[in-house]
Amino acid sequence: MKKIFFIGILGLGIISAQTTTKVATTSGQFLKIGAGARAAGMAESFSAVANDITAIYWNPAGLSHTSGSQIYFSHIEWLAGISYDFFAAGAQVGRSGAAGVFATSVQVPDDEVRTVLQPEGTGEFFSASDLAIGGAYAQRITDRFSVGAVGKLVQERIWSMTSMSIAFDLGILYRSNWHNLTLGVVLNNYGTKTKLSGRANLLYVDPDPTIEGNIETIRAELEMARWNLPLNLKTSMSLKVLDMDKLSWLVAVDMVHPSDNNEYFDLGTEISLNQMLALRGGYRGLGLDAQEGGLAFGGGLRITLSSGLKLQVDYALTDWGRLKNVSQLSFGVGF
């Protein structure tokens, strides 16, 4: 029954595609930037793989399939000079559970304040940043079926304006015994609406300029619009085409149904040698009308020291078309 349930959901993800698009109708766009160079090298087709600490971003149910404790850090020099950092740490809880915490930070370079009257700049500078922090818990219900959830606080800031919201991710994984076929379902960024507030939307007004002697400077606040976070529903599948002692070949696909764009596919693959060296590739955004680039490549190295400490280094290069290529480097430690 579980197999039928998941196959049905995967089918719905394919046949329910619509042509309408809602680009630029949500806030929190930084939440779409994927975490970790391993997933990036597979073109972000990672929701059904999710077997390391980055599962806290891709599919929290995958946390229950990690072992021991892990610490992970990833850095990206993103588009237009934007800096992106992701940190996560997690550990097993009991025999079938796992918990973790994470923090995502985005920093935008300072820029000059320009106005209509002073298009060359006022001499002031403004900055912008985004932050998401939260925790996750996952539990194996059986040896093949697991669930997980993430709760997070999301903050966006530009100059003197700030917005805050709370969001949740929910994930399910089912792992069969046929070629390690794994099916997953993930709901990302289900949460409260957000709106900007701060010094820039405060002003003083005269409620009735035709009357003299009244209070002419009443403090008022402009009412800002509320925006939804970028809600995503993903149905995903991964399959080990080869699974030998010294060679394994993994293929994966994510079918993404976003609230602010058309549905699309991410396809990726990973070849692992001696469970130490990995080569990856893929293509993201299949089905989007206005996609920039899409190709992704990467590699990774995993080393187990005599002390039992596990080191993981991953690199990915992704194509963003007319913008530029983006490189990403990640480091992980397991113990």
C-alpha atoms as a PDB file:
ATOM      1  CA  MET A   1       0.000   0.000   0.000  1.00  0.00           C
ATOM      2  CA  LYS A   2       2.838   2.392   0.768  1.00  0.00           C
ATOM      3  CA  LYS A   3       4.331   1.788  -2.675  1.00  0.00           C
ATOM      4  CA  ILE A   4       0.996   2.494  -4.345  1.00  0.00           C
ATOM      5  CA  PHE A   5       0.564   5.650  -2.244  1.00  0.00           C
ATOM      6  CA  PHE A   6       3.924   7.112  -3.219  1.00  0.00           C
ATOM      7  CA  ILE A   7       3.700   6.119  -6.876  1.00  0.00           C
ATOM      8  CA  GLY A   8       0.315   7.831  -7.006  1.00  0.00           C
ATOM      9  CA  ILE A   9       1.760  11.034  -5.587  1.00  0.00           C
ATOM     10  CA  LEU A  10       4.621  10.923  -8.089  1.00  0.00           C
ATOM     11  CA  GLY A  11       2.115  10.514 -10.888  1.00  0.00           C
ATOM     12  CA  LEU A  12       0.120  13.500  -9.718  1.00  0.00           C
ATOM     13  CA  GLY A  13       3.292  15.570  -9.748  1.00  0.00           C
ATOM     14  CA  ILE A  14       3.672  14.797 -13.448  1.00  0.00           C
ATOM     15  CA  ILE A  15       0.127  15.135 -14.765  1.00  0.00           C
ATOM     16  CA  SER A  16      -0.952  18.186 -12.756  1.00  0.00           C
ATOM     17  CA  ALA A  17       1.414  20.606 -14.500  1.00  0.00           C
ATOM     18  CA  GLN A  18      -0.160  23.976 -15.293  1.00  0.00           C
ATOM     19  CA  THR A  19       0.904  26.766 -17.626  1.00  0.00           C
ATOM     20  CA  THR A  20       0.194  29.671 -15.276  1.00  0.00           C
ATOM     21  CA  THR A  21       3.142  31.347 -13.602  1.00  0.00           C
ATOM     22  CA  LYS A  22       3.315  33.576 -10.540  1.00  0.00           C
ATOM     23  CA  VAL A  23       6.904  34.777 -10.742  1.00  0.00           C
ATOM     24  CA  ALA A  24       7.828  37.500  -8.219  1.00  0.00           C
ATOM     25  CA  THR A  25       4.721  36.975  -6.065  1.00  0.00           C
ATOM     26  CA  THR A  26       6.468  35.627  -2.940  1.00  0.00           C
ATOM     27  CA  SER A  27       9.050  36.883  -0.467  1.00  0.00           C
ATOM     28  CA  GLY A  28      11.972  34.959   1.034  1.00  0.00           C
ATOM     29  CA  GLN A  29      13.551  34.080  -2.297  1.00  0.00           C
ATOM     30  CA  PHE A  30      16.818  33.164  -0.583  1.00  0.00           C
ATOM     31  CA  LEU A  31      15.033  30.081   0.793  1.00  0.00           C
ATOM     32  CA  LYS A  32      15.246  28.642  -2.731  1.00  0.00           C
ATOM     33  CA  ILE A  33      19.058  28.563  -2.738  1.00  0.00           C
ATOM     34  CA  GLY A  34      20.017  24.943  -2.224  1.00  0.00           C
ATOM     35  CA  ALA A  35      22.268  23.863   0.636  1.00  0.00           C
ATOM     36  CA  GLY A  36      25.457  21.920   0.045  1.00  0.00           C
ATOM     37  CA  ALA A  37      27.766  21.332  -2.915  1.00  0.00           C
ATOM     38  CA  ARG A  38      26.838  17.656  -3.164  1.00  0.00           C
ATOM     39  CA  ALA A  39      23.200  18.451  -3.958  1.00  0.00           C
ATOM     40  CA  ALA A  40      24.224  21.351  -6.210  1.00  0.00           C
ATOM     41  CA  GLY A  41      26.451  19.038  -8.246  1.00  0.00           C
ATOM     42  CA  MET A  42      23.420  16.796  -8.805  1.00  0.00           C
ATOM     43  CA  ALA A  43      21.397  19.792 -10.040  1.00  0.00           C
ATOM     44  CA  GLU A  44      19.429  19.883  -6.768  1.00  0.00           C
ATOM     45  CA  SER A  45      17.753  16.518  -7.416  1.00  0.00           C
ATOM     46  CA  PHE A  46      18.401  15.551  -3.816  1.00  0.00           C
ATOM     47  CA  SER A  47      15.076  15.285  -1.974  1.00  0.00           C
ATOM     48  CA  ALA A  48      14.955  11.486  -2.296  1.00  0.00           C
ATOM     49  CA  VAL A  49      18.684  11.068  -1.619  1.00  0.00           C
ATOM     50  CA  ALA A  50      18.947  13.159   1.561  1.00  0.00           C
ATOM     51  CA  ASN A  51      21.294  10.846   3.455  1.00  0.00           C
ATOM     52  CA  ASP A  52      23.590  13.402   5.087  1.00  0.00           C
ATOM     53  CA  ILE A  53      23.115  16.424   7.350  1.00  0.00           C
ATOM     54  CA  THR A  54      21.930  18.602   4.420  1.00  0.00           C
ATOM     55  CA  ALA A  55      18.704  16.575   4.601  1.00  0.00           C
ATOM     56  CA  ILE A  56      17.703  19.268   7.087  1.00  0.00           C
ATOM     57  CA  TYR A  57      17.191  21.454   3.984  1.00  0.00           C
ATOM     58  CA  TRP A  58      16.239  18.953   1.270  1.00  0.00           C
ATOM     59  CA  ASN A  59      14.049  16.468   3.135  1.00  0.00           C
ATOM     60  CA  PRO A  60      14.080  16.378   6.941  1.00  0.00           C
ATOM     61  CA  ALA A  61      12.940  12.734   6.933  1.00  0.00           C
ATOM     62  CA  GLY A  62      16.405  11.837   5.631  1.00  0.00           C
ATOM     63  CA  LEU A  63      17.983  12.884   8.916  1.00  0.00           C
ATOM     64  CA  SER A  64      16.832   9.593  10.418  1.00  0.00           C
ATOM     65  CA  HIS A  65      19.106   7.744   7.976  1.00  0.00           C
ATOM     66  CA  THR A  66      22.278   9.541   9.086  1.00  0.00           C
ATOM     67  CA  SER A  67      24.621   7.963  11.622  1.00  0.00           C
ATOM     68  CA  GLY A  68      26.549   9.428  14.516  1.00  0.00           C
ATOM     69  CA  SER A  69      26.991  13.186  14.745  1.00  0.00           C
ATOM     70  CA  GLN A  70      27.748  15.598  11.907  1.00  0.00           C
ATOM     71  CA  ILE A  71      28.828  19.202  11.431  1.00  0.00           C
ATOM     72  CA  TYR A  72      28.550  20.807   8.004  1.00  0.00           C
ATOM     73  CA  PHE A  73      29.414  24.167   6.417  1.00  0.00           C
ATOM     74  CA  SER A  74      28.883  25.441   2.878  1.00  0.00           C
ATOM     75  CA  HIS A  75      29.825  28.727   1.222  1.00  0.00           C
ATOM     76  CA  ILE A  76      28.707  30.174  -2.111  1.00  0.00           C
ATOM     77  CA  GLU A  77      29.755  33.337  -3.905  1.00  0.00           C
ATOM     78  CA  TRP A  78      26.274  33.754  -5.324  1.00  0.00           C
ATOM     79  CA  LEU A  79      25.069  35.933  -8.186  1.00  0.00           C
ATOM     80  CA  ALA A  80      25.809  39.700  -8.227  1.00  0.00           C
ATOM     81  CA  GLY A  81      28.375  39.453  -5.453  1.00  0.00           C
ATOM     82  CA  ILE A  82      25.894  38.016  -2.944  1.00  0.00           C
ATOM     83  CA  SER A  83      27.423  35.782  -0.275  1.00  0.00           C
ATOM     84  CA  TYR A  84      25.557  32.677   0.953  1.00  0.00           C
ATOM     85  CA  ASP A  85      26.517  30.531   3.939  1.00  0.00           C
ATOM     86  CA  PHE A  86      24.864  27.411   5.336  1.00  0.00           C
ATOM     87  CA  PHE A  87      25.697  25.702   8.626  1.00  0.00           C
ATOM     88  CA  ALA A  88      24.133  22.566  10.079  1.00  0.00           C
ATOM     89  CA  ALA A  89      24.805  20.165  12.916  1.00  0.00           C
ATOM     90  CA  GLY A  90      22.953  17.016  13.898  1.00  0.00           C
ATOM     91  CA  ALA A  91      23.078  13.827  15.920  1.00  0.00           C
ATOM     92  CA  GLN A  92      21.204  10.594  16.448  1.00  0.00           C
ATOM     93  CA  VAL A  93      18.469  10.522  19.064  1.00  0.00           C
ATOM     94  CA  GLY A  94      17.854   7.016  20.356  1.00  0.00           C
ATOM     95  CA  ARG A  95      17.917   4.108  17.921  1.00  0.00           C
ATOM     96  CA  SER A  96      15.619   5.469  15.215  1.00  0.00           C
ATOM     97  CA  GLY A  97      15.548   9.246  15.547  1.00  0.00           C
ATOM     98  CA  ALA A  98      17.766  12.203  14.710  1.00  0.00           C
ATOM     99  CA  ALA A  99      17.740  15.920  15.455  1.00  0.00           C
ATOM    100  CA  GLY A 100      19.586  18.881  14.012  1.00  0.00           C
ATOM    101  CA  VAL A 101      19.916  22.645  13.889  1.00  0.00           C
ATOM    102  CA  PHE A 102      20.828  24.917  11.000  1.00  0.00           C
ATOM    103  CA  ALA A 103      21.455  28.539  10.036  1.00  0.00           C
ATOM    104  CA  THR A 104      21.350  30.136   6.596  1.00  0.00           C
ATOM    105  CA  SER A 105      22.821  33.589   6.014  1.00  0.00           C
ATOM    106  CA  VAL A 106      22.745  35.771   2.901  1.00  0.00           C
ATOM    107  CA  GLN A 107      24.710  39.032   2.697  1.00  0.00           C
ATOM    108  CA  VAL A 108      24.261  41.623  -0.059  1.00  0.00           C
ATOM    109  CA  PRO A 109      27.127  44.096  -0.706  1.00  0.00           C
ATOM    110  CA  ASP A 110      26.614  47.726   0.337  1.00  0.00           C
ATOM    111  CA  ASP A 111      25.273  50.037  -2.372  1.00  0.00           C
ATOM    112  CA  GLU A 112      24.743  53.770  -2.692  1.00  0.00           C
ATOM    113  CA  VAL A 113      21.431  55.370  -1.810  1.00  0.00           C
ATOM    114  CA  ARG A 114      20.100  57.098  -4.942  1.00  0.00           C
ATOM    115  CA  THR A 115      17.034  59.297  -5.343  1.00  0.00           C
ATOM    116  CA  VAL A 116      15.278  61.039  -8.225  1.00  0.00           C
ATOM    117  CA  LEU A 117      16.895  64.337  -7.226  1.00  0.00           C
ATOM    118  CA  GLN A 118      20.282  62.743  -6.518  1.00  0.00           C
ATOM    119  CA  PRO A 119      20.693  59.945  -9.083  1.00  0.00           C
ATOM    120  CA  GLU A 120      24.473  59.840  -8.551  1.00  0.00           C
ATOM    121  CA  GLY A 121      24.041  59.085  -4.865  1.00  0.00           C
ATOM    122  CA  THR A 122      23.292  60.906  -1.622  1.00  0.00           C
ATOM    123  CA  GLY A 123      26.524  59.898   0.100  1.00  0.00           C
ATOM    124  CA  GLU A 124      24.689  57.264   2.159  1.00  0.00           C
ATOM    125  CA  PHE A 125      24.964  53.518   1.718  1.00  0.00           C
ATOM    126  CA  PHE A 126      22.467  50.740   2.369  1.00  0.00           C
ATOM    127  CA  SER A 127      22.820  46.989   2.803  1.00  0.00           C
ATOM    128  CA  ALA A 128      20.558  43.958   2.777  1.00  0.00           C
ATOM    129  CA  SER A 129      20.679  40.541   4.401  1.00  0.00           C
ATOM    130  CA  ASP A 130      18.579  37.433   4.972  1.00  0.00           C
ATOM    131  CA  LEU A 131      18.648  34.909   7.790  1.00  0.00           C
ATOM    132  CA  ALA A 132      16.920  31.608   8.519  1.00  0.00           C
ATOM    133  CA  ILE A 133      17.545  29.594  11.676  1.00  0.00           C
ATOM    134  CA  GLY A 134      15.754  26.529  12.945  1.00  0.00           C
ATOM    135  CA  GLY A 135      15.745  22.961  14.113  1.00  0.00           C
ATOM    136  CA  ALA A 136      14.639  19.591  12.773  1.00  0.00           C
ATOM    137  CA  TYR A 137      13.604  16.189  14.023  1.00  0.00           C
ATOM    138  CA  ALA A 138      13.202  12.944  12.077  1.00  0.00           C
ATOM    139  CA  GLN A 139      11.970   9.510  13.050  1.00  0.00           C
ATOM    140  CA  ARG A 140      12.072   6.113  11.327  1.00  0.00           C
ATOM    141  CA  ILE A 141       8.598   4.622  11.636  1.00  0.00           C
ATOM    142  CA  THR A 142       9.838   1.334  10.151  1.00  0.00           C
ATOM    143  CA  ASP A 143      13.173   0.291   8.661  1.00  0.00           C
ATOM    144  CA  ARG A 144      11.951   1.689   5.320  1.00  0.00           C
ATOM    145  CA  PHE A 145       9.545   4.512   6.154  1.00  0.00           C
ATOM    146  CA  SER A 146      10.567   7.771   7.860  1.00  0.00           C
ATOM    147  CA  VAL A 147       9.118  11.217   8.539  1.00  0.00           C
ATOM    148  CA  GLY A 148      10.675  14.532   9.520  1.00  0.00           C
ATOM    149  CA  ALA A 149       9.867  18.167  10.212  1.00  0.00           C
ATOM    150  CA  VAL A 150      11.704  21.484  10.357  1.00  0.00           C
ATOM    151  CA  GLY A 151      10.670  24.646  12.170  1.00  0.00           C
ATOM    152  CA  LYS A 152      12.418  27.887  11.252  1.00  0.00           C
ATOM    153  CA  LEU A 153      12.448  31.622  11.830  1.00  0.00           C
ATOM    154  CA  VAL A 154      12.908  33.663   8.642  1.00  0.00           C
ATOM    155  CA  GLN A 155      14.148  37.252   8.611  1.00  0.00           C
ATOM    156  CA  GLU A 156      14.698  39.609   5.683  1.00  0.00           C
ATOM    157  CA  ARG A 157      16.299  43.037   6.005  1.00  0.00           C
ATOM    158  CA  ILE A 158      16.953  45.902   3.579  1.00  0.00           C
ATOM    159  CA  TRP A 159      18.315  49.200   4.922  1.00  0.00           C
ATOM    160  CA  SER A 160      16.059  50.132   7.867  1.00  0.00           C
ATOM    161  CA  MET A 161      13.251  47.707   6.984  1.00  0.00           C
ATOM    162  CA  THR A 162      12.855  44.199   8.418  1.00  0.00           C
ATOM    163  CA  SER A 163      10.362  41.363   8.033  1.00  0.00           C
ATOM    164  CA  MET A 164       9.913  38.269  10.200  1.00  0.00           C
ATOM    165  CA  SER A 165       7.987  35.051   9.657  1.00  0.00           C
ATOM    166  CA  ILE A 166       7.767  31.465  10.896  1.00  0.00           C
ATOM    167  CA  ALA A 167       7.769  28.495   8.519  1.00  0.00           C
ATOM    168  CA  PHE A 168       7.790  24.696   8.550  1.00  0.00           C
ATOM    169  CA  ASP A 169       9.058  21.931   6.272  1.00  0.00           C
ATOM    170  CA  LEU A 170       7.555  18.438   6.286  1.00  0.00           C
ATOM    171  CA  GLY A 171       9.127  15.387   4.656  1.00  0.00           C
ATOM    172  CA  ILE A 172       8.458  11.701   4.015  1.00  0.00           C
ATOM    173  CA  LEU A 173      10.816   9.024   2.695  1.00  0.00           C
ATOM    174  CA  TYR A 174      10.151   5.433   1.673  1.00  0.00           C
ATOM    175  CA  ARG A 175      13.107   3.177   0.796  1.00  0.00           C
ATOM    176  CA  SER A 176      12.393  -0.085  -0.992  1.00  0.00           C
ATOM    177  CA  ASN A 177      14.722  -3.074  -1.271  1.00  0.00           C
ATOM    178  CA  TRP A 178      14.791  -2.942  -5.095  1.00  0.00           C
ATOM    179  CA  HIS A 179      17.998  -1.152  -6.176  1.00  0.00           C
ATOM    180  CA  ASN A 180      17.586   1.077  -3.093  1.00  0.00           C
ATOM    181  CA  LEU A 181      14.686   2.801  -4.835  1.00  0.00           C
ATOM    182  CA  THR A 182      13.671   5.741  -2.646  1.00  0.00           C
ATOM    183  CA  LEU A 183      10.517   7.818  -2.956  1.00  0.00           C
ATOM    184  CA  GLY A 184      10.078  11.125  -1.195  1.00  0.00           C
ATOM    185  CA  VAL A 185       7.561  13.895  -0.671  1.00  0.00           C
ATOM    186  CA  VAL A 186       8.516  17.290   0.783  1.00  0.00           C
ATOM    187  CA  LEU A 187       6.536  20.425   1.585  1.00  0.00           C
ATOM    188  CA  ASN A 188       8.792  23.467   2.031  1.00  0.00           C
ATOM    189  CA  ASN A 189       8.149  26.878   3.579  1.00  0.00           C
ATOM    190  CA  TYR A 190       4.607  26.492   4.843  1.00  0.00           C
ATOM    191  CA  GLY A 191       4.255  29.446   7.160  1.00  0.00           C
ATOM    192  CA  THR A 192       3.019  32.880   8.053  1.00  0.00           C
ATOM    193  CA  LYS A 193       2.859  35.798   5.665  1.00  0.00           C
ATOM    194  CA  THR A 194       5.530  38.441   5.999  1.00  0.00           C
ATOM    195  CA  LYS A 195       5.654  42.218   5.606  1.00  0.00           C
ATOM    196  CA  LEU A 196       8.380  44.829   5.899  1.00  0.00           C
ATOM    197  CA  SER A 197       8.318  47.331   8.750  1.00  0.00           C
ATOM    198  CA  GLY A 198      10.765  49.919  10.032  1.00  0.00           C
ATOM    199  CA  ARG A 199      11.847  53.524   9.934  1.00  0.00           C
ATOM    200  CA  ALA A 200      11.304  53.985   6.204  1.00  0.00           C
ATOM    201  CA  ASN A 201       7.511  53.546   6.378  1.00  0.00           C
ATOM    202  CA  LEU A 202       7.016  55.991   9.285  1.00  0.00           C
ATOM    203  CA  LEU A 203       5.926  59.561   8.552  1.00  0.00           C
ATOM    204  CA  TYR A 204       4.248  62.601  10.088  1.00  0.00           C
ATOM    205  CA  VAL A 205       1.035  63.915   8.514  1.00  0.00           C
ATOM    206  CA  ASP A 206      -1.575  66.619   9.008  1.00  0.00           C
ATOM    207  CA  PRO A 207      -4.921  64.772   8.959  1.00  0.00           C
ATOM    208  CA  ASP A 208      -6.794  67.884   7.807  1.00  0.00           C
ATOM    209  CA  PRO A 209      -4.623  70.687   6.346  1.00  0.00           C
ATOM    210  CA  THR A 210      -7.710  72.909   5.880  1.00  0.00           C
ATOM    211  CA  ILE A 211      -8.115  73.361   9.649  1.00  0.00           C
ATOM    212  CA  GLU A 212      -5.762  75.664  11.525  1.00  0.00           C
ATOM    213  CA  GLY A 213      -4.786  75.062  15.120  1.00  0.00           C
ATOM    214  CA  ASN A 214      -5.240  71.307  15.079  1.00  0.00           C
ATOM    215  CA  ILE A 215      -2.468  68.777  15.657  1.00  0.00           C
ATOM    216  CA  GLU A 216      -0.522  69.033  12.422  1.00  0.00           C
ATOM    217  CA  THR A 217       2.124  66.359  12.977  1.00  0.00           C
ATOM    218  CA  ILE A 218       0.485  63.050  13.770  1.00  0.00           C
ATOM    219  CA  ARG A 219       2.805  60.078  13.545  1.00  0.00           C
ATOM    220  CA  ALA A 220       1.552  57.569  10.984  1.00  0.00           C
ATOM    221  CA  GLU A 221       2.731  54.345   9.392  1.00  0.00           C
ATOM    222  CA  LEU A 222       2.308  53.277   5.785  1.00  0.00           C
ATOM    223  CA  GLU A 223       0.495  49.942   5.565  1.00  0.00           C
ATOM    224  CA  MET A 224       2.751  47.469   3.801  1.00  0.00           C
ATOM    225  CA  ALA A 225       1.483  44.501   1.815  1.00  0.00           C
ATOM    226  CA  ARG A 226       1.827  40.990   3.225  1.00  0.00           C
ATOM    227  CA  TRP A 227       3.587  38.358   1.125  1.00  0.00           C
ATOM    228  CA  ASN A 228       3.623  34.575   1.224  1.00  0.00           C
ATOM    229  CA  LEU A 229       6.841  32.608   1.475  1.00  0.00           C
ATOM    230  CA  PRO A 230       7.797  30.489  -1.589  1.00  0.00           C
ATOM    231  CA  LEU A 231       5.799  27.318  -0.899  1.00  0.00           C
ATOM    232  CA  ASN A 232       7.141  24.222  -2.660  1.00  0.00           C
ATOM    233  CA  LEU A 233       5.751  20.716  -2.991  1.00  0.00           C
ATOM    234  CA  LYS A 234       8.314  18.184  -4.206  1.00  0.00           C
ATOM    235  CA  THR A 235       7.832  14.596  -5.248  1.00  0.00           C
ATOM    236  CA  SER A 236      11.109  12.810  -5.793  1.00  0.00           C
ATOM    237  CA  MET A 237      12.737   9.516  -6.632  1.00  0.00           C
ATOM    238  CA  SER A 238      16.270   8.105  -6.516  1.00  0.00           C
ATOM    239  CA  LEU A 239      17.573   4.768  -7.776  1.00  0.00           C
ATOM    240  CA  LYS A 240      20.907   2.967  -7.552  1.00  0.00           C
ATOM    241  CA  VAL A 241      21.485   1.619 -11.042  1.00  0.00           C
ATOM    242  CA  LEU A 242      24.719  -0.014  -9.865  1.00  0.00           C
ATOM    243  CA  ASP A 243      25.534  -0.981  -6.294  1.00  0.00           C
ATOM    244  CA  MET A 244      28.835  -2.884  -6.121  1.00  0.00           C
ATOM    245  CA  ASP A 245      31.609  -2.911  -3.529  1.00  0.00           C
ATOM    246  CA  LYS A 246      33.833  -0.414  -5.328  1.00  0.00           C
ATOM    247  CA  LEU A 247      31.418   1.242  -7.730  1.00  0.00           C
ATOM    248  CA  SER A 248      27.917   2.649  -7.359  1.00  0.00           C
ATOM    249  CA  TRP A 249      25.797   4.729  -9.695  1.00  0.00           C
ATOM    250  CA  LEU A 250      22.885   6.791  -8.387  1.00  0.00           C
ATOM    251  CA  VAL A 251      20.272   8.624 -10.470  1.00  0.00           C
ATOM    252  CA  ALA A 252      17.639  10.973  -9.059  1.00  0.00           C
ATOM    253  CA  VAL A 253      14.785  13.218 -10.118  1.00  0.00           C
ATOM    254  CA  ASP A 254      12.880  15.925  -8.248  1.00  0.00           C
ATOM    255  CA  MET A 255       9.501  17.106  -9.533  1.00  0.00           C
ATOM    256  CA  VAL A 256       8.877  20.557  -8.075  1.00  0.00           C
ATOM    257  CA  HIS A 257       5.524  22.297  -7.823  1.00  0.00           C
ATOM    258  CA  PRO A 258       6.286  25.880  -6.634  1.00  0.00           C
ATOM    259  CA  SER A 259       3.680  28.439  -5.658  1.00  0.00           C
ATOM    260  CA  ASP A 260       5.402  31.164  -7.692  1.00  0.00           C
ATOM    261  CA  ASN A 261       6.349  29.488 -10.963  1.00  0.00           C
ATOM    262  CA  ASN A 262       5.614  26.650 -13.371  1.00  0.00           C
ATOM    263  CA  GLU A 263       6.266  23.075 -12.346  1.00  0.00           C
ATOM    264  CA  TYR A 264       9.707  21.796 -13.314  1.00  0.00           C
ATOM    265  CA  PHE A 265      12.106  18.853 -13.003  1.00  0.00           C
ATOM    266  CA  ASP A 266      15.622  18.518 -11.631  1.00  0.00           C
ATOM    267  CA  LEU A 267      17.636  15.538 -12.894  1.00  0.00           C
ATOM    268  CA  GLY A 268      20.944  14.404 -11.442  1.00  0.00           C
ATOM    269  CA  THR A 269      23.383  11.547 -11.063  1.00  0.00           C
ATOM    270  CA  GLU A 270      26.298  10.537  -8.836  1.00  0.00           C
ATOM    271  CA  ILE A 271      29.021   7.952  -9.480  1.00  0.00           C
ATOM    272  CA  SER A 272      30.929   6.824  -6.398  1.00  0.00           C
ATOM    273  CA  LEU A 273      34.265   4.974  -6.421  1.00  0.00           C
ATOM    274  CA  ASN A 274      35.319   2.993  -3.355  1.00  0.00           C
ATOM    275  CA  GLN A 275      32.818   5.072  -1.347  1.00  0.00           C
ATOM    276  CA  MET A 276      35.526   7.732  -1.335  1.00  0.00           C
ATOM    277  CA  LEU A 277      35.567   9.650  -4.626  1.00  0.00           C
ATOM    278  CA  ALA A 278      32.353  10.922  -6.225  1.00  0.00           C
ATOM    279  CA  LEU A 279      31.600  12.499  -9.603  1.00  0.00           C
ATOM    280  CA  ARG A 280      28.282  14.274 -10.172  1.00  0.00           C
ATOM    281  CA  GLY A 281      26.248  15.990 -12.866  1.00  0.00           C
ATOM    282  CA  GLY A 282      22.730  17.008 -13.779  1.00  0.00           C
ATOM    283  CA  TYR A 283      20.341  19.557 -15.197  1.00  0.00           C
ATOM    284  CA  ARG A 284      17.937  21.718 -13.181  1.00  0.00           C
ATOM    285  CA  GLY A 285      14.841  23.668 -14.119  1.00  0.00           C
ATOM    286  CA  LEU A 286      13.492  21.481 -16.929  1.00  0.00           C
ATOM    287  CA  GLY A 287      10.081  22.906 -17.812  1.00  0.00           C
ATOM    288  CA  LEU A 288      10.619  26.522 -16.750  1.00  0.00           C
ATOM    289  CA  ASP A 289       9.806  29.168 -19.374  1.00  0.00           C
ATOM    290  CA  ALA A 290      12.526  31.648 -18.391  1.00  0.00           C
ATOM    291  CA  GLN A 291      15.337  29.437 -17.158  1.00  0.00           C
ATOM    292  CA  GLU A 292      18.911  30.744 -16.992  1.00  0.00           C
ATOM    293  CA  GLY A 293      21.392  27.926 -17.523  1.00  0.00           C
ATOM    294  CA  GLY A 294      20.741  24.577 -15.908  1.00  0.00           C
ATOM    295  CA  LEU A 295      23.819  22.360 -16.202  1.00  0.00           C
ATOM    296  CA  ALA A 296      25.573  21.315 -13.003  1.00  0.00           C
ATOM    297  CA  PHE A 297      28.793  19.421 -12.313  1.00  0.00           C
ATOM    298  CA  GLY A 298      30.624  18.481  -9.159  1.00  0.00           C
ATOM    299  CA  GLY A 299      32.739  16.091  -7.221  1.00  0.00           C
ATOM    300  CA  GLY A 300      33.505  15.047  -3.699  1.00  0.00           C
ATOM    301  CA  LEU A 301      36.012  13.289  -1.479  1.00  0.00           C
ATOM    302  CA  ARG A 302      35.245  11.318   1.675  1.00  0.00           C
ATOM    303  CA  ILE A 303      37.989  10.164   4.021  1.00  0.00           C
ATOM    304  CA  THR A 304      37.697   8.059   7.187  1.00  0.00           C
ATOM    305  CA  LEU A 305      40.602   8.553   9.582  1.00  0.00           C
ATOM    306  CA  SER A 306      41.979   5.855  11.859  1.00  0.00           C
ATOM    307  CA  SER A 307      40.317   7.628  14.792  1.00  0.00           C
ATOM    308  CA  GLY A 308      36.920   7.086  13.144  1.00  0.00           C
ATOM    309  CA  LEU A 309      36.552  10.742  12.187  1.00  0.00           C
ATOM    310  CA  LYS A 310      34.904  11.159   8.780  1.00  0.00           C
ATOM    311  CA  LEU A 311      35.838  14.102   6.564  1.00  0.00           C
ATOM    312  CA  GLN A 312      33.810  15.177   3.531  1.00  0.00           C
ATOM    313  CA  VAL A 313      34.720  17.849   0.962  1.00  0.00           C
ATOM    314  CA  ASP A 314      32.437  18.646  -1.977  1.00  0.00           C
ATOM    315  CA  TYR A 315      32.614  21.087  -4.874  1.00  0.00           C
ATOM    316  CA  ALA A 316      30.003  22.071  -7.446  1.00  0.00           C
ATOM    317  CA  LEU A 317      29.870  24.341 -10.476  1.00  0.00           C
ATOM    318  CA  THR A 318      26.459  25.376 -11.798  1.00  0.00           C
ATOM    319  CA  ASP A 319      25.599  27.252 -14.978  1.00  0.00           C
ATOM    320  CA  TRP A 320      23.379  30.349 -14.698  1.00  0.00           C
ATOM    321  CA  GLY A 321      23.355  31.336 -18.361  1.00  0.00           C
ATOM    322  CA  ARG A 322      23.711  35.078 -18.964  1.00  0.00           C
ATOM    323  CA  LEU A 323      24.398  35.714 -15.289  1.00  0.00           C
ATOM    324  CA  LYS A 324      27.505  33.639 -14.556  1.00  0.00           C
ATOM    325  CA  ASN A 325      28.694  30.304 -13.293  1.00  0.00           C
ATOM    326  CA  VAL A 326      28.380  29.767  -9.562  1.00  0.00           C
ATOM    327  CA  SER A 327      30.901  27.678  -7.633  1.00  0.00           C
ATOM    328  CA  GLN A 328      30.229  26.163  -4.226  1.00  0.00           C
ATOM    329  CA  LEU A 329      32.456  24.509  -1.652  1.00  0.00           C
ATOM    330  CA  SER A 330      31.262  22.450   1.320  1.00  0.00           C
ATOM    331  CA  PHE A 331      32.958  20.811   4.288  1.00  0.00           C
ATOM    332  CA  GLY A 332      31.558  18.154   6.580  1.00  0.00           C
ATOM    333  CA  VAL A 333      32.820  16.295   9.647  1.00  0.00           C
ATOM    334  CA  GLY A 334      31.254  13.147  11.073  1.00  0.00           C
ATOM    335  CA  PHE A 335      32.087  11.470  14.368  1.00  0.00           C
END
